[in-house]
């Protein structure tokens, strides 16, 4: 392993140590990037759901009726979040 810079005192800490030999502070190591995408749902997912649901639901309500606009809006919001998550995981 390579050495890491101590954030507390600025000394280099060997890779096998978990604490700085100089000041005793815990060493923070960066983790390797995930290959499968981040865990959990995207933080913007609620906003995407609301915007897509209102846009598609409003268009469906104006075109047909409120009885069809509500389910279309919910489905549109779900598809919007699905597209957001799918795009994030394909990167």
PDB file of N, CA and C in Angstrom:
ATOM      1  N   UNK A   1       0.832  -1.181   0.000  1.00  0.00           N
ATOM      2  CA  UNK A   1       0.000   0.000   0.000  1.00  0.00           C
ATOM      3  C   UNK A   1       0.877   1.245   0.000  1.00  0.00           C
ATOM      4  N   UNK A   2       0.367   2.319  -0.489  1.00  0.00           N
ATOM      5  CA  UNK A   2       1.121   3.565  -0.513  1.00  0.00           C
ATOM      6  C   UNK A   2       0.867   4.345   0.775  1.00  0.00           C
ATOM      7  N   UNK A   3       1.714   5.305   1.010  1.00  0.00           N
ATOM      8  CA  UNK A   3       1.548   6.117   2.206  1.00  0.00           C
ATOM      9  C   UNK A   3       0.495   7.197   1.956  1.00  0.00           C
ATOM     10  N   UNK A   4      -0.066   7.687   3.081  1.00  0.00           N
ATOM     11  CA  UNK A   4      -1.150   8.662   3.031  1.00  0.00           C
ATOM     12  C   UNK A   4      -0.760   9.855   3.890  1.00  0.00           C
ATOM     13  N   UNK A   5      -1.190  11.030   3.499  1.00  0.00           N
ATOM     14  CA  UNK A   5      -0.907  12.247   4.242  1.00  0.00           C
ATOM     15  C   UNK A   5      -1.855  12.356   5.430  1.00  0.00           C
ATOM     16  N   UNK A   6      -1.311  12.602   6.618  1.00  0.00           N
ATOM     17  CA  UNK A   6      -2.120  12.806   7.825  1.00  0.00           C
ATOM     18  C   UNK A   6      -2.779  14.179   7.731  1.00  0.00           C
ATOM     19  N   UNK A   7      -4.073  14.238   7.919  1.00  0.00           N
ATOM     20  CA  UNK A   7      -4.791  15.499   7.824  1.00  0.00           C
ATOM     21  C   UNK A   7      -4.576  16.380   9.050  1.00  0.00           C
ATOM     22  N   UNK A   8      -4.133  15.789  10.137  1.00  0.00           N
ATOM     23  CA  UNK A   8      -3.951  16.536  11.370  1.00  0.00           C
ATOM     24  C   UNK A   8      -2.598  17.249  11.419  1.00  0.00           C
ATOM     25  N   UNK A   9      -1.512  16.509  11.183  1.00  0.00           N
ATOM     26  CA  UNK A   9      -0.184  17.112  11.326  1.00  0.00           C
ATOM     27  C   UNK A   9       0.569  17.271  10.006  1.00  0.00           C
ATOM     28  N   UNK A  10       0.125  16.621   8.954  1.00  0.00           N
ATOM     29  CA  UNK A  10       0.753  16.779   7.653  1.00  0.00           C
ATOM     30  C   UNK A  10       1.885  15.809   7.372  1.00  0.00           C
ATOM     31  N   UNK A  11       2.153  14.874   8.267  1.00  0.00           N
ATOM     32  CA  UNK A  11       3.204  13.877   8.057  1.00  0.00           C
ATOM     33  C   UNK A  11       2.675  12.727   7.195  1.00  0.00           C
ATOM     34  N   UNK A  12       3.576  12.055   6.501  1.00  0.00           N
ATOM     35  CA  UNK A  12       3.204  10.895   5.699  1.00  0.00           C
ATOM     36  C   UNK A  12       3.089   9.667   6.608  1.00  0.00           C
ATOM     37  N   UNK A  13       1.984   8.913   6.443  1.00  0.00           N
ATOM     38  CA  UNK A  13       1.724   7.725   7.256  1.00  0.00           C
ATOM     39  C   UNK A  13       1.848   6.504   6.349  1.00  0.00           C
ATOM     40  N   UNK A  14       2.637   5.503   6.747  1.00  0.00           N
ATOM     41  CA  UNK A  14       2.748   4.292   5.922  1.00  0.00           C
ATOM     42  C   UNK A  14       1.386   3.622   5.708  1.00  0.00           C
ATOM     43  N   UNK A  15       1.268   2.897   4.608  1.00  0.00           N
ATOM     44  CA  UNK A  15      -0.005   2.309   4.216  1.00  0.00           C
ATOM     45  C   UNK A  15      -0.587   1.313   5.189  1.00  0.00           C
ATOM     46  N   UNK A  16       0.247   0.612   5.942  1.00  0.00           N
ATOM     47  CA  UNK A  16      -0.272  -0.413   6.842  1.00  0.00           C
ATOM     48  C   UNK A  16      -0.766   0.156   8.170  1.00  0.00           C
ATOM     49  N   UNK A  17      -0.442   1.404   8.501  1.00  0.00           N
ATOM     50  CA  UNK A  17      -0.862   2.018   9.760  1.00  0.00           C
ATOM     51  C   UNK A  17      -2.257   2.609   9.641  1.00  0.00           C
ATOM     52  N   UNK A  18      -3.030   2.519  10.727  1.00  0.00           N
ATOM     53  CA  UNK A  18      -4.358   3.127  10.770  1.00  0.00           C
ATOM     54  C   UNK A  18      -4.347   4.428  11.558  1.00  0.00           C
ATOM     55  N   UNK A  19      -3.244   4.691  12.280  1.00  0.00           N
ATOM     56  CA  UNK A  19      -3.081   5.935  13.036  1.00  0.00           C
ATOM     57  C   UNK A  19      -1.739   6.567  12.693  1.00  0.00           C
ATOM     58  N   UNK A  20      -1.698   7.866  12.778  1.00  0.00           N
ATOM     59  CA  UNK A  20      -0.459   8.609  12.527  1.00  0.00           C
ATOM     60  C   UNK A  20       0.524   8.350  13.670  1.00  0.00           C
ATOM     61  N   UNK A  21       1.775   8.051  13.330  1.00  0.00           N
ATOM     62  CA  UNK A  21       2.792   7.808  14.347  1.00  0.00           C
ATOM     63  C   UNK A  21       3.192   9.089  15.061  1.00  0.00           C
ATOM     64  N   UNK A  22       3.030  10.223  14.405  1.00  0.00           N
ATOM     65  CA  UNK A  22       3.452  11.506  14.961  1.00  0.00           C
ATOM     66  C   UNK A  22       2.427  12.067  15.952  1.00  0.00           C
ATOM     67  N   UNK A  23       1.137  12.148  15.538  1.00  0.00           N
ATOM     68  CA  UNK A  23       0.124  12.789  16.386  1.00  0.00           C
ATOM     69  C   UNK A  23      -0.941  11.827  16.904  1.00  0.00           C
ATOM     70  N   UNK A  24      -1.041  10.626  16.352  1.00  0.00           N
ATOM     71  CA  UNK A  24      -2.014   9.642  16.811  1.00  0.00           C
ATOM     72  C   UNK A  24      -3.399   9.776  16.196  1.00  0.00           C
ATOM     73  N   UNK A  25      -3.557  10.682  15.258  1.00  0.00           N
ATOM     74  CA  UNK A  25      -4.867  10.863  14.621  1.00  0.00           C
ATOM     75  C   UNK A  25      -5.171   9.690  13.694  1.00  0.00           C
ATOM     76  N   UNK A  26      -6.456   9.377  13.567  1.00  0.00           N
ATOM     77  CA  UNK A  26      -6.870   8.311  12.661  1.00  0.00           C
ATOM     78  C   UNK A  26      -6.644   8.751  11.216  1.00  0.00           C
ATOM     79  N   UNK A  27      -6.207   7.816  10.389  1.00  0.00           N
ATOM     80  CA  UNK A  27      -5.915   8.107   8.990  1.00  0.00           C
ATOM     81  C   UNK A  27      -7.161   7.845   8.161  1.00  0.00           C
ATOM     82  N   UNK A  28      -7.510   8.800   7.324  1.00  0.00           N
ATOM     83  CA  UNK A  28      -8.662   8.659   6.432  1.00  0.00           C
ATOM     84  C   UNK A  28      -8.148   8.202   5.083  1.00  0.00           C
ATOM     85  N   UNK A  29      -8.620   7.059   4.634  1.00  0.00           N
ATOM     86  CA  UNK A  29      -8.205   6.522   3.335  1.00  0.00           C
ATOM     87  C   UNK A  29      -9.387   6.576   2.376  1.00  0.00           C
ATOM     88  N   UNK A  30      -9.097   6.936   1.140  1.00  0.00           N
ATOM     89  CA  UNK A  30     -10.159   6.947   0.140  1.00  0.00           C
ATOM     90  C   UNK A  30     -10.419   5.528  -0.325  1.00  0.00           C
ATOM     91  N   UNK A  31     -11.702   5.258  -0.569  1.00  0.00           N
ATOM     92  CA  UNK A  31     -12.084   3.935  -1.040  1.00  0.00           C
ATOM     93  C   UNK A  31     -12.001   3.872  -2.551  1.00  0.00           C
ATOM     94  N   UNK A  32     -11.847   2.663  -3.054  1.00  0.00           N
ATOM     95  CA  UNK A  32     -11.825   2.473  -4.501  1.00  0.00           C
ATOM     96  C   UNK A  32     -13.217   2.759  -5.055  1.00  0.00           C
ATOM     97  N   UNK A  33     -13.316   3.343  -6.243  1.00  0.00           N
ATOM     98  CA  UNK A  33     -14.629   3.634  -6.813  1.00  0.00           C
ATOM     99  C   UNK A  33     -15.386   2.347  -7.126  1.00  0.00           C
ATOM    100  N   UNK A  34     -16.700   2.403  -6.918  1.00  0.00           N
ATOM    101  CA  UNK A  34     -17.550   1.248  -7.221  1.00  0.00           C
ATOM    102  C   UNK A  34     -17.693   1.088  -8.718  1.00  0.00           C
ATOM    103  N   UNK A  35     -17.705  -0.136  -9.156  1.00  0.00           N
ATOM    104  CA  UNK A  35     -17.912  -0.372 -10.579  1.00  0.00           C
ATOM    105  C   UNK A  35     -19.392  -0.501 -10.911  1.00  0.00           C
ATOM    106  N   UNK A  36     -20.228  -0.755  -9.904  1.00  0.00           N
ATOM    107  CA  UNK A  36     -21.650  -0.973 -10.141  1.00  0.00           C
ATOM    108  C   UNK A  36     -22.517   0.230  -9.884  1.00  0.00           C
ATOM    109  N   UNK A  37     -21.960   1.416  -9.757  1.00  0.00           N
ATOM    110  CA  UNK A  37     -22.761   2.598  -9.491  1.00  0.00           C
ATOM    111  C   UNK A  37     -22.940   2.781  -7.995  1.00  0.00           C
ATOM    112  N   UNK A  38     -23.440   3.919  -7.616  1.00  0.00           N
ATOM    113  CA  UNK A  38     -23.629   4.226  -6.207  1.00  0.00           C
ATOM    114  C   UNK A  38     -24.812   3.485  -5.615  1.00  0.00           C
ATOM    115  N   UNK A  39     -24.729   3.248  -4.328  1.00  0.00           N
ATOM    116  CA  UNK A  39     -25.814   2.575  -3.640  1.00  0.00           C
ATOM    117  C   UNK A  39     -26.916   3.577  -3.327  1.00  0.00           C
ATOM    118  N   UNK A  40     -28.119   3.112  -3.304  1.00  0.00           N
ATOM    119  CA  UNK A  40     -29.246   3.974  -2.965  1.00  0.00           C
ATOM    120  C   UNK A  40     -29.787   4.723  -4.163  1.00  0.00           C
ATOM    121  N   UNK A  41     -30.808   5.497  -3.883  1.00  0.00           N
ATOM    122  CA  UNK A  41     -31.479   6.239  -4.945  1.00  0.00           C
ATOM    123  C   UNK A  41     -30.829   7.623  -5.084  1.00  0.00           C
ATOM    124  N   UNK A  42     -30.882   8.170  -6.254  1.00  0.00           N
ATOM    125  CA  UNK A  42     -30.293   9.474  -6.550  1.00  0.00           C
ATOM    126  C   UNK A  42     -30.982  10.548  -5.697  1.00  0.00           C
ATOM    127  N   UNK A  43     -30.233  11.523  -5.170  1.00  0.00           N
ATOM    128  CA  UNK A  43     -30.852  12.559  -4.337  1.00  0.00           C
ATOM    129  C   UNK A  43     -31.867  13.434  -5.076  1.00  0.00           C
ATOM    130  N   UNK A  44     -31.770  13.519  -6.387  1.00  0.00           N
ATOM    131  CA  UNK A  44     -32.712  14.335  -7.164  1.00  0.00           C
ATOM    132  C   UNK A  44     -33.956  13.562  -7.593  1.00  0.00           C
ATOM    133  N   UNK A  45     -34.066  12.300  -7.202  1.00  0.00           N
ATOM    134  CA  UNK A  45     -35.190  11.466  -7.631  1.00  0.00           C
ATOM    135  C   UNK A  45     -36.554  12.045  -7.251  1.00  0.00           C
ATOM    136  N   UNK A  46     -36.762  12.562  -6.037  1.00  0.00           N
ATOM    137  CA  UNK A  46     -38.082  13.138  -5.735  1.00  0.00           C
ATOM    138  C   UNK A  46     -38.441  14.324  -6.623  1.00  0.00           C
ATOM    139  N   UNK A  47     -37.462  15.162  -6.931  1.00  0.00           N
ATOM    140  CA  UNK A  47     -37.722  16.320  -7.789  1.00  0.00           C
ATOM    141  C   UNK A  47     -38.079  15.863  -9.204  1.00  0.00           C
ATOM    142  N   UNK A  48     -37.327  14.878  -9.709  1.00  0.00           N
ATOM    143  CA  UNK A  48     -37.610  14.351 -11.042  1.00  0.00           C
ATOM    144  C   UNK A  48     -39.006  13.733 -11.078  1.00  0.00           C
ATOM    145  N   UNK A  49     -39.375  13.018 -10.019  1.00  0.00           N
ATOM    146  CA  UNK A  49     -40.701  12.393  -9.977  1.00  0.00           C
ATOM    147  C   UNK A  49     -41.794  13.447 -10.035  1.00  0.00           C
ATOM    148  N   UNK A  50     -41.672  14.488  -9.228  1.00  0.00           N
ATOM    149  CA  UNK A  50     -42.713  15.520  -9.177  1.00  0.00           C
ATOM    150  C   UNK A  50     -42.817  16.267 -10.500  1.00  0.00           C
ATOM    151  N   UNK A  51     -41.692  16.643 -11.066  1.00  0.00           N
ATOM    152  CA  UNK A  51     -41.716  17.405 -12.319  1.00  0.00           C
ATOM    153  C   UNK A  51     -42.305  16.566 -13.449  1.00  0.00           C
ATOM    154  N   UNK A  52     -41.859  15.317 -13.579  1.00  0.00           N
ATOM    155  CA  UNK A  52     -42.381  14.464 -14.644  1.00  0.00           C
ATOM    156  C   UNK A  52     -43.858  14.147 -14.417  1.00  0.00           C
ATOM    157  N   UNK A  53     -44.242  13.892 -13.172  1.00  0.00           N
ATOM    158  CA  UNK A  53     -45.641  13.578 -12.883  1.00  0.00           C
ATOM    159  C   UNK A  53     -46.549  14.759 -13.196  1.00  0.00           C
ATOM    160  N   UNK A  54     -46.141  15.962 -12.809  1.00  0.00           N
ATOM    161  CA  UNK A  54     -46.976  17.128 -13.100  1.00  0.00           C
ATOM    162  C   UNK A  54     -47.062  17.417 -14.589  1.00  0.00           C
ATOM    163  N   UNK A  55     -45.958  17.275 -15.293  1.00  0.00           N
ATOM    164  CA  UNK A  55     -45.961  17.563 -16.725  1.00  0.00           C
ATOM    165  C   UNK A  55     -46.828  16.555 -17.488  1.00  0.00           C
ATOM    166  N   UNK A  56     -46.611  15.290 -17.252  1.00  0.00           N
ATOM    167  CA  UNK A  56     -47.357  14.268 -17.996  1.00  0.00           C
ATOM    168  C   UNK A  56     -48.796  14.192 -17.512  1.00  0.00           C
ATOM    169  N   UNK A  57     -48.996  14.311 -16.193  1.00  0.00           N
ATOM    170  CA  UNK A  57     -50.364  14.304 -15.668  1.00  0.00           C
ATOM    171  C   UNK A  57     -51.167  15.496 -16.146  1.00  0.00           C
ATOM    172  N   UNK A  58     -50.536  16.665 -16.192  1.00  0.00           N
ATOM    173  CA  UNK A  58     -51.229  17.847 -16.700  1.00  0.00           C
ATOM    174  C   UNK A  58     -51.587  17.726 -18.163  1.00  0.00           C
ATOM    175  N   UNK A  59     -50.669  17.195 -18.944  1.00  0.00           N
ATOM    176  CA  UNK A  59     -50.955  16.999 -20.373  1.00  0.00           C
ATOM    177  C   UNK A  59     -52.063  15.969 -20.570  1.00  0.00           C
ATOM    178  N   UNK A  60     -52.036  14.907 -19.790  1.00  0.00           N
ATOM    179  CA  UNK A  60     -53.088  13.891 -19.886  1.00  0.00           C
ATOM    180  C   UNK A  60     -54.440  14.416 -19.453  1.00  0.00           C
ATOM    181  N   UNK A  61     -54.458  15.274 -18.439  1.00  0.00           N
ATOM    182  CA  UNK A  61     -55.712  15.870 -17.965  1.00  0.00           C
ATOM    183  C   UNK A  61     -56.289  16.822 -19.012  1.00  0.00           C
ATOM    184  N   UNK A  62     -55.423  17.626 -19.618  1.00  0.00           N
ATOM    185  CA  UNK A  62     -55.906  18.546 -20.649  1.00  0.00           C
ATOM    186  C   UNK A  62     -56.368  17.809 -21.904  1.00  0.00           C
ATOM    187  N   UNK A  63     -55.686  16.730 -22.242  1.00  0.00           N
ATOM    188  CA  UNK A  63     -56.020  16.005 -23.475  1.00  0.00           C
ATOM    189  C   UNK A  63     -57.260  15.135 -23.308  1.00  0.00           C
ATOM    190  N   UNK A  64     -57.396  14.454 -22.181  1.00  0.00           N
ATOM    191  CA  UNK A  64     -58.495  13.492 -22.030  1.00  0.00           C
ATOM    192  C   UNK A  64     -59.384  13.881 -20.851  1.00  0.00           C
ATOM    193  N   UNK A  65     -58.944  13.552 -19.646  1.00  0.00           N
ATOM    194  CA  UNK A  65     -59.713  13.881 -18.445  1.00  0.00           C
ATOM    195  C   UNK A  65     -58.837  13.683 -17.218  1.00  0.00           C
ATOM    196  N   UNK A  66     -59.351  14.127 -16.074  1.00  0.00           N
ATOM    197  CA  UNK A  66     -58.627  13.962 -14.820  1.00  0.00           C
ATOM    198  C   UNK A  66     -58.513  12.490 -14.439  1.00  0.00           C
ATOM    199  N   UNK A  67     -59.509  11.701 -14.802  1.00  0.00           N
ATOM    200  CA  UNK A  67     -59.490  10.264 -14.478  1.00  0.00           C
ATOM    201  C   UNK A  67     -58.314   9.557 -15.151  1.00  0.00           C
ATOM    202  N   UNK A  68     -57.876  10.031 -16.277  1.00  0.00           N
ATOM    203  CA  UNK A  68     -56.720   9.446 -16.956  1.00  0.00           C
ATOM    204  C   UNK A  68     -55.436  10.214 -16.653  1.00  0.00           C
ATOM    205  N   UNK A  69     -55.557  11.489 -16.309  1.00  0.00           N
ATOM    206  CA  UNK A  69     -54.385  12.309 -16.038  1.00  0.00           C
ATOM    207  C   UNK A  69     -53.625  11.893 -14.790  1.00  0.00           C
ATOM    208  N   UNK A  70     -54.339  11.484 -13.743  1.00  0.00           N
ATOM    209  CA  UNK A  70     -53.673  11.084 -12.498  1.00  0.00           C
ATOM    210  C   UNK A  70     -52.834   9.820 -12.689  1.00  0.00           C
ATOM    211  N   UNK A  71     -53.399   8.733 -13.247  1.00  0.00           N
ATOM    212  CA  UNK A  71     -52.540   7.555 -13.460  1.00  0.00           C
ATOM    213  C   UNK A  71     -51.397   7.807 -14.445  1.00  0.00           C
ATOM    214  N   UNK A  72     -51.640   8.604 -15.472  1.00  0.00           N
ATOM    215  CA  UNK A  72     -50.568   8.934 -16.407  1.00  0.00           C
ATOM    216  C   UNK A  72     -49.458   9.722 -15.716  1.00  0.00           C
ATOM    217  N   UNK A  73     -49.823  10.621 -14.816  1.00  0.00           N
ATOM    218  CA  UNK A  73     -48.833  11.386 -14.079  1.00  0.00           C
ATOM    219  C   UNK A  73     -47.986  10.507 -13.178  1.00  0.00           C
ATOM    220  N   UNK A  74     -48.624   9.581 -12.468  1.00  0.00           N
ATOM    221  CA  UNK A  74     -47.872   8.671 -11.605  1.00  0.00           C
ATOM    222  C   UNK A  74     -46.941   7.781 -12.412  1.00  0.00           C
ATOM    223  N   UNK A  75     -47.431   7.294 -13.526  1.00  0.00           N
ATOM    224  CA  UNK A  75     -46.585   6.457 -14.375  1.00  0.00           C
ATOM    225  C   UNK A  75     -45.434   7.284 -14.964  1.00  0.00           C
ATOM    226  N   UNK A  76     -45.719   8.503 -15.379  1.00  0.00           N
ATOM    227  CA  UNK A  76     -44.674   9.369 -15.924  1.00  0.00           C
ATOM    228  C   UNK A  76     -43.603   9.706 -14.901  1.00  0.00           C
ATOM    229  N   UNK A  77     -44.012   9.945 -13.663  1.00  0.00           N
ATOM    230  CA  UNK A  77     -43.037  10.212 -12.607  1.00  0.00           C
ATOM    231  C   UNK A  77     -42.154   9.003 -12.350  1.00  0.00           C
ATOM    232  N   UNK A  78     -42.756   7.821 -12.338  1.00  0.00           N
ATOM    233  CA  UNK A  78     -41.979   6.592 -12.146  1.00  0.00           C
ATOM    234  C   UNK A  78     -40.999   6.361 -13.280  1.00  0.00           C
ATOM    235  N   UNK A  79     -41.423   6.618 -14.493  1.00  0.00           N
ATOM    236  CA  UNK A  79     -40.534   6.446 -15.647  1.00  0.00           C
ATOM    237  C   UNK A  79     -39.400   7.474 -15.596  1.00  0.00           C
ATOM    238  N   UNK A  80     -39.700   8.698 -15.138  1.00  0.00           N
ATOM    239  CA  UNK A  80     -38.658   9.711 -15.008  1.00  0.00           C
ATOM    240  C   UNK A  80     -37.578   9.301 -14.020  1.00  0.00           C
ATOM    241  N   UNK A  81     -37.976   8.762 -12.871  1.00  0.00           N
ATOM    242  CA  UNK A  81     -37.006   8.300 -11.882  1.00  0.00           C
ATOM    243  C   UNK A  81     -36.250   7.093 -12.408  1.00  0.00           C
ATOM    244  N   UNK A  82     -36.941   6.203 -13.087  1.00  0.00           N
ATOM    245  CA  UNK A  82     -36.277   5.033 -13.670  1.00  0.00           C
ATOM    246  C   UNK A  82     -35.199   5.467 -14.657  1.00  0.00           C
ATOM    247  N   UNK A  83     -35.509   6.458 -15.500  1.00  0.00           N
ATOM    248  CA  UNK A  83     -34.520   6.941 -16.466  1.00  0.00           C
ATOM    249  C   UNK A  83     -33.330   7.585 -15.766  1.00  0.00           C
ATOM    250  N   UNK A  84     -33.591   8.325 -14.686  1.00  0.00           N
ATOM    251  CA  UNK A  84     -32.509   8.947 -13.923  1.00  0.00           C
ATOM    252  C   UNK A  84     -31.587   7.884 -13.327  1.00  0.00           C
ATOM    253  N   UNK A  85     -32.156   6.879 -12.706  1.00  0.00           N
ATOM    254  CA  UNK A  85     -31.365   5.813 -12.089  1.00  0.00           C
ATOM    255  C   UNK A  85     -30.643   4.976 -13.138  1.00  0.00           C
ATOM    256  N   UNK A  86     -31.306   4.678 -14.217  1.00  0.00           N
ATOM    257  CA  UNK A  86     -30.700   3.869 -15.273  1.00  0.00           C
ATOM    258  C   UNK A  86     -29.508   4.601 -15.875  1.00  0.00           C
ATOM    259  N   UNK A  87     -29.645   5.889 -16.120  1.00  0.00           N
ATOM    260  CA  UNK A  87     -28.536   6.666 -16.663  1.00  0.00           C
ATOM    261  C   UNK A  87     -27.355   6.734 -15.710  1.00  0.00           C
ATOM    262  N   UNK A  88     -27.642   6.809 -14.417  1.00  0.00           N
ATOM    263  CA  UNK A  88     -26.561   6.876 -13.436  1.00  0.00           C
ATOM    264  C   UNK A  88     -25.832   5.540 -13.357  1.00  0.00           C
ATOM    265  N   UNK A  89     -26.519   4.442 -13.476  1.00  0.00           N
ATOM    266  CA  UNK A  89     -25.893   3.144 -13.348  1.00  0.00           C
ATOM    267  C   UNK A  89     -25.172   2.710 -14.635  1.00  0.00           C
ATOM    268  N   UNK A  90     -25.515   3.315 -15.762  1.00  0.00           N
ATOM    269  CA  UNK A  90     -24.834   2.962 -17.008  1.00  0.00           C
ATOM    270  C   UNK A  90     -23.477   3.648 -17.116  1.00  0.00           C
ATOM    271  N   UNK A  91     -23.257   4.720 -16.366  1.00  0.00           N
ATOM    272  CA  UNK A  91     -21.976   5.428 -16.416  1.00  0.00           C
ATOM    273  C   UNK A  91     -20.887   4.658 -15.799  1.00  0.00           C
TER     274      UNK A  91
END
